[in-house]
Amino acid sequence: MEYRFGIEEEFFVVNSTTLETVQYLPERFVKACKNQLGDRVSTELLQSQIELVSPILSSPGSARECIREQRSTALRLAASHGLGLIAAGTHPAANWAGQVATTSPRYQIVSNELQMLTRRNLLCGLHVHVEVPDPSRRVELMTRLQPYLPLFVALSSSSPFWRGHSTGLLSYRPVAYSELPRTGLPPAFQNAQEYDDYVDLLTASDAIPDASYIWWAIRPSSRFPTLELRASDACTSAADSLALTALFRCLVRRLFVDETAGIPMNHLVAPIVAENMWRACRESTGCTIIDMSRRAAIPFTDWLDEIIQWLADDAAALGVDTELKSLTAIPVRGTSAHHQRSAYERARQRGKSSFGATRDVVQWLKGATSGELLFGSAGGVVAGPAARPMEKA
């Protein structure tokens, strides 16, 4: 099947009792995960994070089973080592100053370049790879897909807190991540040659070792014949990860099949995309999106409905109708960020300090990530069964 894909989910590793991020990732936990999941688990730049990496997937059914197995296995092993996993763009209360980088040749290069920003990179995201039938068109597609990136920021928002304080944003992660070089929206390259010239110049001048040190919100993978989406916060809900994956696959297919589809990028469109990204960071699914064809701002939910209708044929071709349509439920019941804010406000009403209330948020995230809490209607959660380990496929 064309448009095969892969899903990478990043998690914070916390002490089950204190709910604080671990400073040093226990080797016995990593070894246990490797024994069960092999290469599907990897360490990250900071020792307080791990990443679960799917194999190459070709259907929504295989993706569901894979994500369920990976999450439930890692959660079970974490619990057996006195740890917990949290899926969110930021840990609501963690202090970046106490973070420790992972020791490896690659991460040493990154740490040397980023200096203090290494420890400030206390952020987790959802990354989705989609295989492009003609890899030579990935740069063109990367440029044409940029106007749709605010969709992923808004629908995945899970980072409203930073260091025990409310940021006033629902997705703070993209803002914090912009401290790093070669992040945010990529330049509007028109073809692969322009992109190759850019990478060649950076590598020839020893600015970067290779293209994998480019961390834009969307990029051509340097290892696989894929486009990699990096704009999304880590999704607390596995179902949201799968729905956003379906959306990205549909968009890649639509723009690949129809070379005239979408919004042509130019000097005017690029700053409007940046403005829409900011609106998505600030208000998530409650934002308005600047529509250049209407020369007006429209509700995000109206835009989402139009996108889902536009991609109906692609969803049918890829077998992801259910996943794509499920995106309309996210603005209704709220993103992870909305639920985190609700948990915070309830704690504040009980008299807790701002920092103390964020501990309640972390507790909610731990339960929601493990499946002990399921997303209910907007403003609340409903109790659900705990996640159970699954046998490896």
Protein backbone atom coordinates (compact mmCIF):
# COMPACT_ATOMS: atom_id res chain seq x y z
CA MET A 1 0.00 0.00 0.00
CA GLU A 2 1.25 3.48 -0.83
CA TYR A 3 1.72 6.19 1.78
CA ARG A 4 3.10 3.81 4.37
CA PHE A 5 3.87 5.54 7.62
CA GLY A 6 5.55 5.50 11.00
CA ILE A 7 4.64 7.07 14.34
CA GLU A 8 7.10 8.35 16.96
CA GLU A 9 5.73 9.31 20.39
CA GLU A 10 7.86 11.05 23.03
CA PHE A 11 7.16 10.72 26.77
CA PHE A 12 8.41 12.21 30.02
CA VAL A 13 9.66 9.65 32.55
CA VAL A 14 8.62 10.55 36.10
CA ASN A 15 9.01 9.16 39.59
CA SER A 16 5.67 7.49 40.41
CA THR A 17 5.59 9.00 43.90
CA THR A 18 6.94 12.52 43.47
CA LEU A 19 5.72 12.89 39.85
CA GLU A 20 8.95 14.77 39.11
CA THR A 21 10.96 14.00 35.98
CA VAL A 22 13.82 11.61 36.62
CA GLN A 23 17.26 13.16 36.43
CA TYR A 24 18.95 9.94 35.36
CA LEU A 25 17.08 7.35 33.30
CA PRO A 26 17.47 3.98 35.09
CA GLU A 27 19.45 1.58 32.91
CA ARG A 28 17.45 -1.38 34.19
CA PHE A 29 14.24 0.23 32.91
CA VAL A 30 15.75 0.94 29.49
CA LYS A 31 17.07 -2.63 29.31
CA ALA A 32 13.67 -4.06 30.22
CA CYS A 33 12.02 -1.95 27.51
CA LYS A 34 14.62 -3.04 24.95
CA ASN A 35 14.04 -6.69 25.87
CA GLN A 36 10.31 -6.29 25.20
CA LEU A 37 10.21 -3.73 22.38
CA GLY A 38 13.68 -3.86 20.82
CA ASP A 39 14.40 -0.90 18.55
CA ARG A 40 10.87 0.40 19.09
CA VAL A 41 12.07 2.23 22.20
CA SER A 42 14.87 4.77 22.21
CA THR A 43 16.40 7.35 24.50
CA GLU A 44 16.16 11.07 23.84
CA LEU A 45 18.36 14.14 24.23
CA LEU A 46 17.43 14.42 27.92
CA GLN A 47 17.46 11.48 30.32
CA SER A 48 13.97 12.40 31.50
CA GLN A 49 12.48 11.32 28.16
CA ILE A 50 12.00 8.22 26.04
CA GLU A 51 10.56 7.71 22.57
CA LEU A 52 8.39 4.87 21.27
CA VAL A 53 8.95 4.29 17.56
CA SER A 54 6.63 2.18 15.43
CA PRO A 55 7.82 -0.06 12.61
CA ILE A 56 6.70 0.74 9.07
CA LEU A 57 2.90 0.63 9.07
CA SER A 58 0.46 0.31 6.19
CA SER A 59 -3.05 0.34 7.70
CA PRO A 60 -4.97 2.05 10.50
CA GLY A 61 -5.64 -1.33 12.12
CA SER A 62 -1.96 -2.20 12.37
CA ALA A 63 -1.27 1.28 13.72
CA ARG A 64 -3.86 0.94 16.48
CA GLU A 65 -2.50 -2.41 17.60
CA CYS A 66 1.09 -1.18 17.45
CA ILE A 67 0.51 1.99 19.48
CA ARG A 68 -1.57 0.12 22.06
CA GLU A 69 1.10 -2.54 22.48
CA GLN A 70 3.98 -0.08 22.69
CA ARG A 71 2.26 2.19 25.18
CA SER A 72 0.89 -0.57 27.40
CA THR A 73 4.22 -2.44 27.48
CA ALA A 74 6.24 0.68 28.31
CA LEU A 75 3.71 1.77 30.95
CA ARG A 76 3.72 -1.67 32.59
CA LEU A 77 7.51 -1.78 32.70
CA ALA A 78 7.70 1.78 34.01
CA ALA A 79 5.31 0.96 36.85
CA SER A 80 7.37 -2.10 37.79
CA HIS A 81 10.39 0.19 38.20
CA GLY A 82 8.61 2.82 40.27
CA LEU A 83 8.21 5.12 37.28
CA GLY A 84 5.42 6.65 35.25
CA LEU A 85 5.12 7.98 31.70
CA ILE A 86 3.49 11.25 30.75
CA ALA A 87 2.50 12.16 27.19
CA ALA A 88 2.37 15.95 26.92
CA GLY A 89 4.22 18.72 25.12
CA THR A 90 5.62 19.97 28.43
CA HIS A 91 5.83 18.55 31.95
CA PRO A 92 3.72 21.11 33.85
CA ALA A 93 6.05 21.48 36.83
CA ALA A 94 9.54 20.27 35.84
CA ASN A 95 12.54 22.56 36.16
CA TRP A 96 14.72 22.56 33.05
CA ALA A 97 17.80 23.59 35.06
CA GLY A 98 18.01 20.17 36.68
CA GLN A 99 17.93 18.15 33.47
CA VAL A 100 20.81 15.92 32.36
CA ALA A 101 21.67 15.14 28.74
CA THR A 102 21.91 11.57 27.49
CA THR A 103 25.45 10.38 26.76
CA SER A 104 25.92 9.39 23.13
CA PRO A 105 28.07 10.68 20.24
CA ARG A 106 25.10 12.35 18.52
CA TYR A 107 23.70 13.92 21.66
CA GLN A 108 27.16 15.17 22.60
CA ILE A 109 27.31 17.06 19.29
CA VAL A 110 23.83 18.49 19.89
CA SER A 111 24.66 19.45 23.49
CA ASN A 112 27.87 21.18 22.44
CA GLU A 113 25.97 23.28 19.91
CA LEU A 114 22.92 24.08 22.02
CA GLN A 115 24.72 24.65 25.33
CA MET A 116 22.14 25.73 27.95
CA LEU A 117 19.33 25.20 25.43
CA THR A 118 20.00 21.46 25.72
CA ARG A 119 18.47 21.42 29.21
CA ARG A 120 15.75 23.87 28.21
CA ASN A 121 14.63 21.45 25.49
CA LEU A 122 12.32 19.79 28.02
CA LEU A 123 9.67 19.19 25.37
CA CYS A 124 7.91 16.17 23.89
CA GLY A 125 6.31 15.86 20.48
CA LEU A 126 4.49 13.52 18.14
CA HIS A 127 6.40 12.87 14.90
CA VAL A 128 4.73 11.21 11.92
CA HIS A 129 6.52 9.88 8.83
CA VAL A 130 4.60 9.35 5.58
CA GLU A 131 6.23 7.65 2.61
CA VAL A 132 5.96 9.68 -0.59
CA PRO A 133 5.52 7.64 -3.82
CA ASP A 134 8.06 9.87 -5.57
CA PRO A 135 10.66 10.93 -2.95
CA SER A 136 11.98 13.63 -5.28
CA ARG A 137 8.77 15.58 -4.64
CA ARG A 138 9.13 15.70 -0.85
CA VAL A 139 10.54 19.24 -0.76
CA GLU A 140 7.76 20.57 -2.98
CA LEU A 141 5.19 18.85 -0.74
CA MET A 142 6.89 20.18 2.40
CA THR A 143 6.39 23.71 1.12
CA ARG A 144 2.79 23.16 0.00
CA LEU A 145 1.84 21.51 3.30
CA GLN A 146 2.89 24.45 5.46
CA PRO A 147 -0.51 26.23 5.46
CA TYR A 148 -2.02 23.15 7.14
CA LEU A 149 0.45 22.89 10.01
CA PRO A 150 -1.74 24.99 12.37
CA LEU A 151 -4.25 22.12 12.23
CA PHE A 152 -1.77 19.86 14.00
CA VAL A 153 -0.71 22.44 16.56
CA ALA A 154 -4.29 23.20 17.57
CA LEU A 155 -5.58 19.63 17.66
CA SER A 156 -2.60 18.26 19.62
CA SER A 157 -2.24 21.08 22.17
CA SER A 158 -0.96 19.62 25.45
CA SER A 159 1.55 22.16 26.78
CA PRO A 160 -0.21 24.97 28.66
CA PHE A 161 2.19 24.96 31.64
CA TRP A 162 5.91 25.58 32.09
CA ARG A 163 7.91 25.27 35.31
CA GLY A 164 4.81 25.33 37.50
CA HIS A 165 3.20 28.33 35.86
CA SER A 166 0.34 28.78 33.41
CA THR A 167 1.77 30.16 30.17
CA GLY A 168 -1.52 31.63 28.97
CA LEU A 169 -1.05 29.52 25.84
CA LEU A 170 -2.53 26.09 25.15
CA SER A 171 0.49 24.93 23.15
CA TYR A 172 3.65 26.47 24.58
CA ARG A 173 5.96 23.78 23.20
CA PRO A 174 6.35 25.28 19.67
CA VAL A 175 7.19 28.65 21.20
CA ALA A 176 9.80 27.17 23.53
CA TYR A 177 11.21 25.00 20.74
CA SER A 178 11.80 28.09 18.61
CA GLU A 179 14.78 28.93 20.84
CA LEU A 180 16.68 26.24 18.95
CA PRO A 181 18.26 26.86 15.54
CA ARG A 182 16.69 25.43 12.39
CA THR A 183 13.23 25.03 13.93
CA GLY A 184 9.79 26.43 13.15
CA LEU A 185 8.52 26.78 9.59
CA PRO A 186 10.99 25.80 6.86
CA PRO A 187 11.91 28.22 4.08
CA ALA A 188 9.55 28.04 1.12
CA PHE A 189 11.81 25.96 -1.11
CA GLN A 190 10.29 25.44 -4.53
CA ASN A 191 12.17 22.27 -5.44
CA ALA A 192 14.60 19.66 -4.19
CA GLN A 193 17.62 21.41 -5.71
CA GLU A 194 17.07 24.52 -3.60
CA TYR A 195 16.84 22.39 -0.47
CA ASP A 196 19.91 20.35 -1.42
CA ASP A 197 21.90 23.55 -2.01
CA TYR A 198 20.90 24.76 1.47
CA VAL A 199 21.95 21.50 3.14
CA ASP A 200 25.19 21.36 1.14
CA LEU A 201 26.12 24.86 2.26
CA LEU A 202 25.47 24.08 5.92
CA THR A 203 27.41 20.83 5.85
CA ALA A 204 30.31 22.26 3.78
CA SER A 205 30.70 25.08 6.30
CA ASP A 206 30.54 22.61 9.23
CA ALA A 207 27.41 24.25 10.60
CA ILE A 208 25.77 20.81 10.85
CA PRO A 209 27.05 17.25 10.30
CA ASP A 210 24.07 16.28 8.13
CA ALA A 211 20.42 17.07 7.39
CA SER A 212 19.16 15.26 10.50
CA TYR A 213 20.27 18.33 12.49
CA ILE A 214 17.50 20.36 10.81
CA TRP A 215 14.48 20.33 13.14
CA TRP A 216 11.73 22.17 11.29
CA ALA A 217 8.03 21.59 11.97
CA ILE A 218 8.03 19.51 8.79
CA ARG A 219 11.06 18.15 6.93
CA PRO A 220 12.20 15.50 4.46
CA SER A 221 13.62 12.61 6.45
CA SER A 222 17.34 12.10 5.99
CA ARG A 223 16.99 8.34 6.66
CA PHE A 224 13.74 7.36 4.96
CA PRO A 225 11.85 8.29 1.76
CA THR A 226 9.31 10.13 3.89
CA LEU A 227 8.03 13.52 4.89
CA GLU A 228 8.22 13.94 8.66
CA LEU A 229 5.64 15.98 10.55
CA ARG A 230 7.11 17.47 13.75
CA ALA A 231 4.65 20.28 14.53
CA SER A 232 2.44 18.40 17.00
CA ASP A 233 2.69 18.28 20.78
CA ALA A 234 2.91 14.80 22.23
CA CYS A 235 -0.68 13.53 22.41
CA THR A 236 -1.89 12.38 25.82
CA SER A 237 -4.53 10.29 24.05
CA ALA A 238 -3.27 7.52 21.77
CA ALA A 239 -6.45 7.92 19.71
CA ASP A 240 -5.47 11.53 19.00
CA SER A 241 -2.04 10.40 17.80
CA LEU A 242 -3.72 8.02 15.37
CA ALA A 243 -6.23 10.61 14.16
CA LEU A 244 -3.51 13.19 13.48
CA THR A 245 -1.50 10.54 11.66
CA ALA A 246 -4.51 9.87 9.43
CA LEU A 247 -4.89 13.59 8.74
CA PHE A 248 -1.26 13.94 7.72
CA ARG A 249 -1.43 10.92 5.42
CA CYS A 250 -4.55 12.31 3.74
CA LEU A 251 -2.96 15.71 3.20
CA VAL A 252 0.19 14.18 1.73
CA ARG A 253 -1.88 12.06 -0.62
CA ARG A 254 -4.16 14.92 -1.72
CA LEU A 255 -1.27 17.28 -2.54
CA PHE A 256 0.74 14.52 -4.22
CA VAL A 257 -2.15 13.38 -6.44
CA ASP A 258 -3.28 16.89 -7.35
CA GLU A 259 -0.36 19.23 -8.00
CA THR A 260 -2.73 22.22 -8.17
CA ALA A 261 -4.39 21.54 -4.81
CA GLY A 262 -3.90 23.69 -1.75
CA ILE A 263 -2.63 27.20 -1.17
CA PRO A 264 0.45 28.21 -3.20
CA MET A 265 3.20 29.48 -0.88
CA ASN A 266 4.58 32.94 -1.62
CA HIS A 267 5.94 35.99 0.18
CA LEU A 268 2.46 36.88 1.47
CA VAL A 269 1.25 33.41 2.43
CA ALA A 270 4.32 32.55 4.53
CA PRO A 271 3.77 35.23 7.22
CA ILE A 272 0.05 34.40 7.31
CA VAL A 273 0.93 30.77 8.01
CA ALA A 274 3.18 31.97 10.83
CA GLU A 275 0.33 34.10 12.19
CA ASN A 276 -2.04 31.12 12.09
CA MET A 277 0.56 29.00 13.88
CA TRP A 278 0.67 31.60 16.65
CA ARG A 279 -3.13 31.64 16.91
CA ALA A 280 -3.14 27.84 17.21
CA CYS A 281 -0.49 27.97 19.95
CA ARG A 282 -2.44 30.57 21.89
CA GLU A 283 -6.02 29.29 21.68
CA SER A 284 -5.84 25.78 20.21
CA THR A 285 -9.16 24.70 18.67
CA GLY A 286 -10.83 27.87 19.93
CA CYS A 287 -8.79 30.10 17.65
CA THR A 288 -9.75 31.75 14.40
CA ILE A 289 -7.72 31.09 11.26
CA ILE A 290 -6.93 33.75 8.68
CA ASP A 291 -8.37 32.55 5.37
CA MET A 292 -6.68 34.39 2.52
CA SER A 293 -9.32 33.47 -0.05
CA ARG A 294 -12.05 35.00 2.12
CA ARG A 295 -9.77 37.77 3.42
CA ALA A 296 -11.24 37.11 6.85
CA ALA A 297 -10.67 35.08 9.99
CA ILE A 298 -12.89 32.01 10.33
CA PRO A 299 -13.48 29.72 13.32
CA PHE A 300 -11.00 26.87 13.51
CA THR A 301 -13.83 24.34 13.68
CA ASP A 302 -15.26 25.61 10.38
CA TRP A 303 -11.85 25.23 8.76
CA LEU A 304 -11.47 21.73 10.18
CA ASP A 305 -14.87 20.68 8.83
CA GLU A 306 -13.93 21.99 5.38
CA ILE A 307 -10.61 20.13 5.43
CA ILE A 308 -12.25 16.85 6.43
CA GLN A 309 -14.80 17.19 3.63
CA TRP A 310 -12.04 18.08 1.14
CA LEU A 311 -10.05 14.99 2.11
CA ALA A 312 -12.97 12.54 2.04
CA ASP A 313 -11.77 10.71 -1.10
CA ASP A 314 -8.25 10.40 0.32
CA ALA A 315 -9.57 9.06 3.61
CA ALA A 316 -11.60 6.45 1.73
CA ALA A 317 -8.59 5.45 -0.37
CA LEU A 318 -6.41 5.05 2.72
CA GLY A 319 -9.10 3.42 4.85
CA VAL A 320 -9.00 6.11 7.54
CA ASP A 321 -12.54 7.53 7.32
CA THR A 322 -13.22 6.84 11.00
CA GLU A 323 -9.94 8.34 12.20
CA LEU A 324 -10.34 11.47 10.08
CA LYS A 325 -13.92 12.10 11.17
CA SER A 326 -12.96 11.58 14.81
CA LEU A 327 -10.99 14.84 14.66
CA THR A 328 -14.27 16.77 14.94
CA ALA A 329 -14.73 15.38 18.46
CA ILE A 330 -11.51 16.98 19.74
CA PRO A 331 -12.80 20.58 19.84
CA VAL A 332 -16.00 19.35 21.51
CA ARG A 333 -14.46 17.40 24.40
CA GLY A 334 -11.28 19.45 24.54
CA THR A 335 -7.63 18.77 23.90
CA SER A 336 -5.25 17.59 26.60
CA ALA A 337 -4.41 21.25 27.26
CA HIS A 338 -8.06 22.06 27.98
CA HIS A 339 -8.31 19.19 30.46
CA GLN A 340 -5.05 20.19 32.10
CA ARG A 341 -6.38 23.70 32.60
CA SER A 342 -9.56 22.27 34.12
CA ALA A 343 -7.53 20.16 36.56
CA TYR A 344 -5.48 23.24 37.46
CA GLU A 345 -8.53 25.44 38.08
CA ARG A 346 -10.17 22.79 40.28
CA ALA A 347 -7.01 22.60 42.38
CA ARG A 348 -6.80 26.37 42.67
CA GLN A 349 -10.43 26.51 43.81
CA ARG A 350 -9.49 24.08 46.59
CA GLY A 351 -6.92 26.60 47.79
CA LYS A 352 -3.74 25.17 46.27
CA SER A 353 -0.92 27.45 45.16
CA SER A 354 -0.15 27.86 41.47
CA PHE A 355 2.76 25.44 41.71
CA GLY A 356 0.80 23.00 43.87
CA ALA A 357 -2.04 22.99 41.36
CA THR A 358 0.32 21.95 38.59
CA ARG A 359 1.08 18.80 40.60
CA ASP A 360 -2.61 17.91 40.26
CA VAL A 361 -2.21 18.46 36.53
CA VAL A 362 0.73 16.05 36.43
CA GLN A 363 -1.33 13.49 38.35
CA TRP A 364 -4.12 13.85 35.80
CA LEU A 365 -1.66 13.46 32.93
CA LYS A 366 -0.18 10.31 34.44
CA GLY A 367 -3.63 8.76 34.71
CA ALA A 368 -4.77 9.92 31.28
CA THR A 369 -1.60 8.66 29.59
CA SER A 370 -1.95 5.23 31.18
CA GLY A 371 -5.64 4.95 30.32
CA GLU A 372 -6.86 5.17 33.91
CA LEU A 373 -8.65 8.32 32.81
CA LEU A 374 -10.35 8.70 29.46
CA PHE A 375 -11.21 11.99 27.82
CA GLY A 376 -14.86 12.79 28.37
CA SER A 377 -16.83 15.89 27.48
CA ALA A 378 -15.09 19.25 27.49
CA GLY A 379 -14.17 20.35 30.99
CA GLY A 380 -14.07 16.92 32.59
CA VAL A 381 -12.86 13.36 32.44
CA VAL A 382 -14.48 10.01 32.99
CA ALA A 383 -12.96 7.01 34.72
CA GLY A 384 -11.98 4.10 32.53
CA PRO A 385 -10.19 0.77 32.75
CA ALA A 386 -6.44 0.74 33.21
CA ALA A 387 -4.38 -0.16 30.17
CA ARG A 388 -3.48 -3.82 30.01
CA PRO A 389 -0.28 -5.21 28.52
CA MET A 390 -0.68 -6.85 25.15
CA GLU A 391 1.27 -9.71 23.69
CA LYS A 392 3.81 -8.69 21.08
CA ALA A 393 2.52 -9.10 17.54
